[in-house]
C-alpha atoms as a PDB file:
ATOM      1  CA  MET A   1      15.621 -16.387 -27.722  1.00  0.00           C
ATOM      2  CA  ALA A   2      12.810 -16.319 -25.168  1.00  0.00           C
ATOM      3  CA  GLU A   3      11.864 -12.902 -23.781  1.00  0.00           C
ATOM      4  CA  PRO A   4      12.890 -12.433 -20.119  1.00  0.00           C
ATOM      5  CA  MET A   5      10.066 -12.334 -17.607  1.00  0.00           C
ATOM      6  CA  SER A   6       9.289  -8.840 -16.317  1.00  0.00           C
ATOM      7  CA  ALA A   7       9.516  -8.079 -12.594  1.00  0.00           C
ATOM      8  CA  GLU A   8       5.728  -7.636 -12.513  1.00  0.00           C
ATOM      9  CA  ARG A   9       5.131 -11.027 -14.184  1.00  0.00           C
ATOM     10  CA  PHE A  10       7.627 -12.656 -11.801  1.00  0.00           C
ATOM     11  CA  LEU A  11       5.712 -11.186  -8.868  1.00  0.00           C
ATOM     12  CA  ASP A  12       2.443 -12.521 -10.304  1.00  0.00           C
ATOM     13  CA  ARG A  13       3.871 -16.053 -10.084  1.00  0.00           C
ATOM     14  CA  TRP A  14       4.439 -15.691  -6.345  1.00  0.00           C
ATOM     15  CA  GLN A  15       1.044 -14.128  -5.766  1.00  0.00           C
ATOM     16  CA  ASN A  16      -0.502 -17.222  -7.371  1.00  0.00           C
ATOM     17  CA  TYR A  17       1.418 -19.654  -5.139  1.00  0.00           C
ATOM     18  CA  ARG A  18      -0.926 -22.211  -3.543  1.00  0.00           C
ATOM     19  CA  ASP A  19       1.521 -24.841  -2.215  1.00  0.00           C
ATOM     20  CA  GLN A  20       0.728 -27.164  -5.099  1.00  0.00           C
ATOM     21  CA  PRO A  21       3.249 -29.948  -5.917  1.00  0.00           C
ATOM     22  CA  GLN A  22       4.226 -28.539  -9.324  1.00  0.00           C
ATOM     23  CA  GLN A  23       4.724 -25.084  -7.802  1.00  0.00           C
ATOM     24  CA  ALA A  24       6.976 -26.455  -5.037  1.00  0.00           C
ATOM     25  CA  SER A  25       8.976 -28.372  -7.634  1.00  0.00           C
ATOM     26  CA  GLY A  26       9.426 -25.233  -9.718  1.00  0.00           C
ATOM     27  CA  ILE A  27      10.662 -23.294  -6.678  1.00  0.00           C
ATOM     28  CA  ARG A  28      13.218 -26.015  -5.871  1.00  0.00           C
ATOM     29  CA  ASP A  29      14.459 -25.826  -9.467  1.00  0.00           C
ATOM     30  CA  LEU A  30      14.750 -22.048  -9.151  1.00  0.00           C
ATOM     31  CA  TYR A  31      16.678 -22.428  -5.876  1.00  0.00           C
ATOM     32  CA  ALA A  32      19.110 -24.877  -7.507  1.00  0.00           C
ATOM     33  CA  ALA A  33      19.617 -22.541 -10.479  1.00  0.00           C
ATOM     34  CA  ILE A  34      20.410 -19.602  -8.196  1.00  0.00           C
ATOM     35  CA  ALA A  35      22.743 -21.689  -6.023  1.00  0.00           C
ATOM     36  CA  SER A  36      24.713 -22.744  -9.118  1.00  0.00           C
ATOM     37  CA  LEU A  37      25.425 -19.146 -10.124  1.00  0.00           C
ATOM     38  CA  GLU A  38      28.605 -17.334  -9.196  1.00  0.00           C
ATOM     39  CA  GLY A  39      27.577 -15.421  -6.091  1.00  0.00           C
ATOM     40  CA  GLY A  40      24.392 -17.454  -5.847  1.00  0.00           C
ATOM     41  CA  LEU A  41      24.955 -18.437  -2.225  1.00  0.00           C
ATOM     42  CA  GLN A  42      25.178 -14.743  -1.296  1.00  0.00           C
ATOM     43  CA  ILE A  43      21.812 -14.179  -2.984  1.00  0.00           C
ATOM     44  CA  LEU A  44      20.350 -17.033  -0.929  1.00  0.00           C
ATOM     45  CA  ASP A  45      21.841 -15.784   2.339  1.00  0.00           C
ATOM     46  CA  GLU A  46      19.229 -15.316   5.073  1.00  0.00           C
ATOM     47  CA  GLN A  47      20.553 -11.765   5.581  1.00  0.00           C
ATOM     48  CA  ALA A  48      20.609 -10.796   1.905  1.00  0.00           C
ATOM     49  CA  PRO A  49      18.915  -7.392   1.397  1.00  0.00           C
ATOM     50  CA  TRP A  50      15.994  -8.874  -0.533  1.00  0.00           C
ATOM     51  CA  ALA A  51      15.406 -11.520   2.166  1.00  0.00           C
ATOM     52  CA  ARG A  52      15.390  -8.931   4.957  1.00  0.00           C
ATOM     53  CA  GLN A  53      13.043  -6.661   2.996  1.00  0.00           C
ATOM     54  CA  PHE A  54      10.765  -9.608   2.185  1.00  0.00           C
ATOM     55  CA  SER A  55      10.510 -10.464   5.900  1.00  0.00           C
ATOM     56  CA  THR A  56       9.885  -6.904   7.086  1.00  0.00           C
ATOM     57  CA  PRO A  57       6.330  -6.539   8.432  1.00  0.00           C
ATOM     58  CA  PRO A  58       4.165  -4.392   6.163  1.00  0.00           C
ATOM     59  CA  THR A  59       3.460  -0.805   7.091  1.00  0.00           C
ATOM     60  CA  PRO A  60      -0.187  -0.503   8.152  1.00  0.00           C
ATOM     61  CA  ALA A  61      -2.285   1.243   5.547  1.00  0.00           C
ATOM     62  CA  PRO A  62      -3.122   4.805   6.516  1.00  0.00           C
ATOM     63  CA  THR A  63      -6.649   5.567   7.613  1.00  0.00           C
ATOM     64  CA  PRO A  64      -8.368   7.200   4.671  1.00  0.00           C
ATOM     65  CA  LYS A  65      -9.861  10.618   5.122  1.00  0.00           C
ATOM     66  CA  PRO A  66     -13.606  10.662   5.775  1.00  0.00           C
ATOM     67  CA  LEU A  67     -15.593  10.309   2.580  1.00  0.00           C
ATOM     68  CA  PRO A  68     -18.180  12.856   1.589  1.00  0.00           C
ATOM     69  CA  LYS A  69     -21.604  11.348   1.338  1.00  0.00           C
ATOM     70  CA  LYS A  70     -22.431   9.998  -2.078  1.00  0.00           C
ATOM     71  CA  GLY A  71     -24.483  12.308  -4.209  1.00  0.00           C
ATOM     72  CA  GLY A  72     -27.867  11.451  -5.589  1.00  0.00           C
ATOM     73  CA  ASN A  73     -26.243   9.796  -8.606  1.00  0.00           C
ATOM     74  CA  GLY A  74     -23.907   7.728  -6.414  1.00  0.00           C
ATOM     75  CA  ALA A  75     -20.909   9.956  -7.132  1.00  0.00           C
ATOM     76  CA  VAL A  76     -17.745   9.713  -5.032  1.00  0.00           C
ATOM     77  CA  SER A  77     -15.165  12.502  -5.087  1.00  0.00           C
ATOM     78  CA  LEU A  78     -11.878  12.519  -3.147  1.00  0.00           C
ATOM     79  CA  ASN A  79      -9.918  15.688  -2.489  1.00  0.00           C
ATOM     80  CA  LEU A  80      -6.653  14.635  -4.154  1.00  0.00           C
ATOM     81  CA  PRO A  81      -4.261  17.520  -4.790  1.00  0.00           C
ATOM     82  CA  PHE A  82      -3.373  18.210  -8.414  1.00  0.00           C
ATOM     83  CA  PHE A  83       0.237  18.087  -9.655  1.00  0.00           C
ATOM     84  CA  ASP A  84       1.148  19.190 -13.177  1.00  0.00           C
ATOM     85  CA  GLN A  85       3.962  17.106 -14.671  1.00  0.00           C
ATOM     86  CA  THR A  86       4.695  19.755 -17.300  1.00  0.00           C
ATOM     87  CA  ASN A  87       6.146  21.927 -14.515  1.00  0.00           C
ATOM     88  CA  ASP A  88       8.825  19.324 -13.762  1.00  0.00           C
ATOM     89  CA  GLY A  89      11.478  20.659 -16.136  1.00  0.00           C
ATOM     90  CA  PRO A  90      12.651  19.491 -19.587  1.00  0.00           C
ATOM     91  CA  THR A  91      11.892  15.815 -18.912  1.00  0.00           C
ATOM     92  CA  GLY A  92       8.524  16.476 -17.269  1.00  0.00           C
ATOM     93  CA  TRP A  93       6.719  14.978 -20.254  1.00  0.00           C
ATOM     94  CA  ARG A  94       7.922  11.553 -18.989  1.00  0.00           C
ATOM     95  CA  HIS A  95       6.662  11.958 -15.405  1.00  0.00           C
ATOM     96  CA  CYS A  96       2.976  11.031 -15.637  1.00  0.00           C
ATOM     97  CA  GLN A  97       3.377   7.924 -13.475  1.00  0.00           C
ATOM     98  CA  SER A  98       5.349   9.778 -10.793  1.00  0.00           C
ATOM     99  CA  SER A  99       2.935  12.696 -10.713  1.00  0.00           C
ATOM    100  CA  SER A 100      -0.165  10.470 -10.578  1.00  0.00           C
ATOM    101  CA  ILE A 101       1.248   8.392  -7.715  1.00  0.00           C
ATOM    102  CA  ALA A 102       2.432  11.523  -5.887  1.00  0.00           C
ATOM    103  CA  MET A 103      -1.092  12.978  -5.922  1.00  0.00           C
ATOM    104  CA  ASN A 104      -2.301   9.891  -4.076  1.00  0.00           C
ATOM    105  CA  LEU A 105       0.577   9.915  -1.590  1.00  0.00           C
ATOM    106  CA  ALA A 106       0.088  13.588  -0.774  1.00  0.00           C
ATOM    107  CA  TYR A 107      -3.638  12.971  -0.285  1.00  0.00           C
ATOM    108  CA  LEU A 108      -2.814  10.197   2.193  1.00  0.00           C
ATOM    109  CA  GLY A 109      -0.409  12.467   4.050  1.00  0.00           C
ATOM    110  CA  VAL A 110       2.762  10.450   3.406  1.00  0.00           C
ATOM    111  CA  PRO A 111       5.575  12.337   5.193  1.00  0.00           C
ATOM    112  CA  GLY A 112       7.892  14.298   2.906  1.00  0.00           C
ATOM    113  CA  ILE A 113       5.599  14.256  -0.131  1.00  0.00           C
ATOM    114  CA  LYS A 114       4.235  17.734  -0.680  1.00  0.00           C
ATOM    115  CA  ASP A 115       4.419  17.677  -4.482  1.00  0.00           C
ATOM    116  CA  ASP A 116       5.433  15.431  -7.361  1.00  0.00           C
ATOM    117  CA  LEU A 117       9.052  16.601  -7.351  1.00  0.00           C
ATOM    118  CA  ASP A 118       9.445  15.387  -3.754  1.00  0.00           C
ATOM    119  CA  TYR A 119       8.353  11.938  -4.860  1.00  0.00           C
ATOM    120  CA  LEU A 120      10.308  12.011  -8.132  1.00  0.00           C
ATOM    121  CA  LYS A 121      13.572  12.501  -6.223  1.00  0.00           C
ATOM    122  CA  VAL A 122      12.935   9.281  -4.304  1.00  0.00           C
ATOM    123  CA  VAL A 123      12.006   7.358  -7.453  1.00  0.00           C
ATOM    124  CA  GLN A 124      15.168   8.449  -9.244  1.00  0.00           C
ATOM    125  CA  ARG A 125      17.304   6.913  -6.495  1.00  0.00           C
ATOM    126  CA  HIS A 126      15.937   3.539  -7.593  1.00  0.00           C
ATOM    127  CA  GLY A 127      15.590   3.813 -11.359  1.00  0.00           C
ATOM    128  CA  ASP A 128      13.623   5.517 -14.086  1.00  0.00           C
ATOM    129  CA  THR A 129      10.204   7.096 -13.608  1.00  0.00           C
ATOM    130  CA  THR A 130       8.702   4.750 -16.226  1.00  0.00           C
ATOM    131  CA  GLN A 131       9.685   1.591 -14.303  1.00  0.00           C
ATOM    132  CA  GLN A 132       7.222  -0.047 -11.898  1.00  0.00           C
ATOM    133  CA  VAL A 133      10.134  -1.590  -9.980  1.00  0.00           C
ATOM    134  CA  ALA A 134      11.576   1.871  -9.303  1.00  0.00           C
ATOM    135  CA  HIS A 135       8.246   3.048  -7.927  1.00  0.00           C
ATOM    136  CA  ALA A 136       7.866  -0.071  -5.796  1.00  0.00           C
ATOM    137  CA  ALA A 137      11.309   0.565  -4.301  1.00  0.00           C
ATOM    138  CA  ALA A 138      10.510   4.249  -3.736  1.00  0.00           C
ATOM    139  CA  LEU A 139       7.283   3.389  -1.931  1.00  0.00           C
ATOM    140  CA  ALA A 140       9.157   0.876   0.224  1.00  0.00           C
ATOM    141  CA  GLU A 141      11.745   3.536   1.116  1.00  0.00           C
ATOM    142  CA  LEU A 142       8.964   5.947   2.068  1.00  0.00           C
ATOM    143  CA  LYS A 143       7.177   3.198   4.006  1.00  0.00           C
ATOM    144  CA  ALA A 144       4.142   4.273   2.019  1.00  0.00           C
ATOM    145  CA  PRO A 145       1.225   2.196   0.768  1.00  0.00           C
ATOM    146  CA  GLY A 146       1.065   1.454  -2.924  1.00  0.00           C
ATOM    147  CA  ARG A 147       0.970  -1.719  -4.983  1.00  0.00           C
ATOM    148  CA  PHE A 148       0.957  -2.222  -8.742  1.00  0.00           C
ATOM    149  CA  ILE A 149      -1.570  -4.641 -10.183  1.00  0.00           C
ATOM    150  CA  SER A 150      -2.259  -5.606 -13.786  1.00  0.00           C
ATOM    151  CA  SER A 151      -5.714  -7.071 -13.107  1.00  0.00           C
ATOM    152  CA  CYS A 152      -7.798  -4.078 -12.042  1.00  0.00           C
ATOM    153  CA  SER A 153     -11.450  -3.813 -13.045  1.00  0.00           C
ATOM    154  CA  VAL A 154     -14.066  -1.081 -12.908  1.00  0.00           C
ATOM    155  CA  GLU A 155     -15.577  -2.756  -9.855  1.00  0.00           C
ATOM    156  CA  ARG A 156     -12.209  -2.962  -8.065  1.00  0.00           C
ATOM    157  CA  ALA A 157     -11.446   0.678  -8.823  1.00  0.00           C
ATOM    158  CA  LYS A 158     -14.835   1.814  -7.541  1.00  0.00           C
ATOM    159  CA  ALA A 159     -14.371  -0.277  -4.400  1.00  0.00           C
ATOM    160  CA  GLU A 160     -11.044   1.456  -3.703  1.00  0.00           C
ATOM    161  CA  LEU A 161     -12.682   4.855  -4.126  1.00  0.00           C
ATOM    162  CA  ASP A 162     -15.630   3.839  -1.942  1.00  0.00           C
ATOM    163  CA  LYS A 163     -13.102   3.077   0.823  1.00  0.00           C
ATOM    164  CA  GLY A 164     -11.529   6.526   0.449  1.00  0.00           C
ATOM    165  CA  PHE A 165      -8.474   5.589  -1.611  1.00  0.00           C
ATOM    166  CA  GLY A 166      -7.588   6.970  -5.035  1.00  0.00           C
ATOM    167  CA  LEU A 167      -5.772   5.155  -7.840  1.00  0.00           C
ATOM    168  CA  ALA A 168      -3.263   5.817 -10.591  1.00  0.00           C
ATOM    169  CA  ILE A 169      -4.140   3.951 -13.781  1.00  0.00           C
ATOM    170  CA  GLY A 170      -2.249   3.364 -17.016  1.00  0.00           C
ATOM    171  CA  ILE A 171      -4.049   3.952 -20.309  1.00  0.00           C
ATOM    172  CA  LEU A 172      -3.219   4.192 -23.991  1.00  0.00           C
ATOM    173  CA  HIS A 173      -3.717   7.790 -25.084  1.00  0.00           C
ATOM    174  CA  ARG A 174      -3.015   7.809 -28.810  1.00  0.00           C
ATOM    175  CA  GLY A 175      -5.396   6.908 -31.608  1.00  0.00           C
ATOM    176  CA  PRO A 176      -9.212   6.823 -31.559  1.00  0.00           C
ATOM    177  CA  VAL A 177     -11.104   5.081 -28.791  1.00  0.00           C
ATOM    178  CA  SER A 178     -11.932   2.298 -31.247  1.00  0.00           C
ATOM    179  CA  ALA A 179      -8.207   1.547 -31.728  1.00  0.00           C
ATOM    180  CA  PRO A 180      -6.151   3.010 -28.856  1.00  0.00           C
ATOM    181  CA  SER A 181      -2.383   3.003 -29.210  1.00  0.00           C
ATOM    182  CA  GLY A 182       0.776   4.648 -27.892  1.00  0.00           C
ATOM    183  CA  GLY A 183       3.335   4.063 -25.189  1.00  0.00           C
ATOM    184  CA  GLY A 184       0.941   4.686 -22.332  1.00  0.00           C
ATOM    185  CA  HIS A 185      -0.027   7.462 -19.940  1.00  0.00           C
ATOM    186  CA  TYR A 186      -0.925   7.543 -16.230  1.00  0.00           C
ATOM    187  CA  ILE A 187      -3.751   9.516 -14.669  1.00  0.00           C
ATOM    188  CA  ALA A 188      -4.922   9.854 -11.068  1.00  0.00           C
ATOM    189  CA  ILE A 189      -8.458   8.648 -10.388  1.00  0.00           C
ATOM    190  CA  ARG A 190     -10.094  10.628  -7.594  1.00  0.00           C
ATOM    191  CA  GLY A 191     -13.714   9.546  -7.957  1.00  0.00           C
ATOM    192  CA  TYR A 192     -16.551   8.551 -10.224  1.00  0.00           C
ATOM    193  CA  ASP A 193     -20.157   9.359 -11.042  1.00  0.00           C
ATOM    194  CA  ALA A 194     -22.872   7.649 -13.052  1.00  0.00           C
ATOM    195  CA  THR A 195     -21.145   8.144 -16.397  1.00  0.00           C
ATOM    196  CA  GLY A 196     -17.415   8.333 -15.840  1.00  0.00           C
ATOM    197  CA  TRP A 197     -14.242   8.831 -13.837  1.00  0.00           C
ATOM    198  CA  LEU A 198     -13.312  11.995 -11.978  1.00  0.00           C
ATOM    199  CA  VAL A 199      -9.609  12.422 -12.698  1.00  0.00           C
ATOM    200  CA  HIS A 200      -6.563  14.595 -12.333  1.00  0.00           C
ATOM    201  CA  ASP A 201      -4.594  14.215 -15.570  1.00  0.00           C
ATOM    202  CA  PRO A 202      -1.041  15.435 -14.897  1.00  0.00           C
ATOM    203  CA  TYR A 203      -0.327  16.350 -18.536  1.00  0.00           C
ATOM    204  CA  GLY A 204      -3.523  18.016 -19.694  1.00  0.00           C
ATOM    205  CA  GLU A 205      -6.997  17.297 -21.005  1.00  0.00           C
ATOM    206  CA  LEU A 206      -7.148  14.221 -23.224  1.00  0.00           C
ATOM    207  CA  ASP A 207      -9.312  13.915 -26.319  1.00  0.00           C
ATOM    208  CA  LEU A 208     -10.142  10.288 -25.628  1.00  0.00           C
ATOM    209  CA  LEU A 209     -12.581  10.005 -28.527  1.00  0.00           C
ATOM    210  CA  ARG A 210     -10.028  10.927 -31.204  1.00  0.00           C
ATOM    211  CA  GLY A 211      -6.751  10.476 -29.309  1.00  0.00           C
ATOM    212  CA  GLY A 212      -4.107  12.968 -28.288  1.00  0.00           C
ATOM    213  CA  TRP A 213      -4.580  16.146 -26.303  1.00  0.00           C
ATOM    214  CA  ALA A 214      -7.302  18.755 -26.362  1.00  0.00           C
ATOM    215  CA  ARG A 215      -5.215  20.988 -24.056  1.00  0.00           C
ATOM    216  CA  GLN A 216      -1.773  20.583 -22.506  1.00  0.00           C
ATOM    217  CA  GLY A 217      -0.133  21.972 -19.379  1.00  0.00           C
ATOM    218  CA  HIS A 218      -1.089  25.037 -17.366  1.00  0.00           C
ATOM    219  CA  GLY A 219      -3.295  22.921 -15.101  1.00  0.00           C
ATOM    220  CA  ALA A 220      -5.549  21.816 -17.974  1.00  0.00           C
ATOM    221  CA  GLY A 221      -5.822  18.291 -16.548  1.00  0.00           C
ATOM    222  CA  ARG A 222      -7.191  19.358 -13.164  1.00  0.00           C
ATOM    223  CA  SER A 223     -10.603  17.952 -12.192  1.00  0.00           C
ATOM    224  CA  GLN A 224     -11.449  16.375 -15.530  1.00  0.00           C
ATOM    225  CA  HIS A 225     -14.389  14.054 -16.203  1.00  0.00           C
ATOM    226  CA  TYR A 226     -13.392  11.147 -18.466  1.00  0.00           C
ATOM    227  CA  SER A 227     -16.387   9.057 -19.506  1.00  0.00           C
ATOM    228  CA  PHE A 228     -16.425   5.311 -18.911  1.00  0.00           C
ATOM    229  CA  ALA A 229     -17.323   4.851 -22.587  1.00  0.00           C
ATOM    230  CA  ASN A 230     -14.141   6.552 -23.805  1.00  0.00           C
ATOM    231  CA  THR A 231     -11.721   5.721 -20.964  1.00  0.00           C
ATOM    232  CA  ASN A 232     -12.295   2.056 -20.237  1.00  0.00           C
ATOM    233  CA  PRO A 233     -11.496   0.800 -23.772  1.00  0.00           C
ATOM    234  CA  CYS A 234      -8.118   2.564 -23.442  1.00  0.00           C
ATOM    235  CA  TRP A 235      -7.505   0.996 -20.024  1.00  0.00           C
ATOM    236  CA  LEU A 236      -9.033  -2.497 -20.029  1.00  0.00           C
ATOM    237  CA  LEU A 237      -7.208  -3.645 -23.129  1.00  0.00           C
ATOM    238  CA  GLU A 238      -7.393  -7.396 -22.600  1.00  0.00           C
ATOM    239  CA  GLY A 239     -10.706  -7.787 -20.833  1.00  0.00           C
ATOM    240  CA  PRO A 240     -12.732  -6.412 -17.911  1.00  0.00           C
ATOM    241  CA  SER A 241     -10.077  -7.325 -15.312  1.00  0.00           C
ATOM    242  CA  SER A 242      -6.899  -6.351 -17.160  1.00  0.00           C
ATOM    243  CA  GLY A 243      -6.321  -2.763 -16.079  1.00  0.00           C
ATOM    244  CA  TRP A 244      -2.928  -1.493 -14.975  1.00  0.00           C
ATOM    245  CA  ALA A 245      -3.263   0.383 -11.698  1.00  0.00           C
ATOM    246  CA  TRP A 246      -1.460   1.499  -8.579  1.00  0.00           C
ATOM    247  CA  ILE A 247      -3.728   0.972  -5.570  1.00  0.00           C
ATOM    248  CA  PHE A 248      -3.116   2.447  -2.128  1.00  0.00           C
ATOM    249  CA  SER A 249      -5.408   0.608   0.290  1.00  0.00           C
ATOM    250  CA  SER A 250      -2.701  -2.011   0.977  1.00  0.00           C
END
């Protein structure tokens, strides 16, 4: 049996739409398949919730805070607040994505988001903290910027930071840097310098060279420097433009 397409992969199809004949034909086939389902006509109703949300004008991106001047080595550092996921209760070990996104939202001054628990409550109304679709719905509810992409690169990340916007990126955090593994972990990127990323790691300080954690909890992940050499192989797993990231400029 074929594996169902993920919500993120489904979205990628629409982002690649160019009004080509084969694409239009595929969309007509999709329309016919939906219409044939029980309740399909309700899904296709002009006033269906998804259709109204799809047609809602986007919320303008917030104006980023003024950037400090770059240092002599070209460094950029944003003043993102730090949130420690290990303070979130017995399931806090699962909250890296929520905490990393919340740091960016609080930095941008999104109303109602003073810490990661404020944001987590919104996410949990829409699903699990590990699901990108739950975060997308939470951001829509908050009318906050934030978009998940699976094609980020070092250059794209630096460009976001140069504009005054942080990121939350997904990396593999188990195993040595030569063979990263694991279920994944999110960190907040708040800047960069000549040799690496300036990060807030919500769980602790990673040992990226060998895998696992050098220190956990108690704010150990605040203001860490993760080298490009040891971070990027754990992030850009399928090539230079394959990084998972939440961006906040649009």
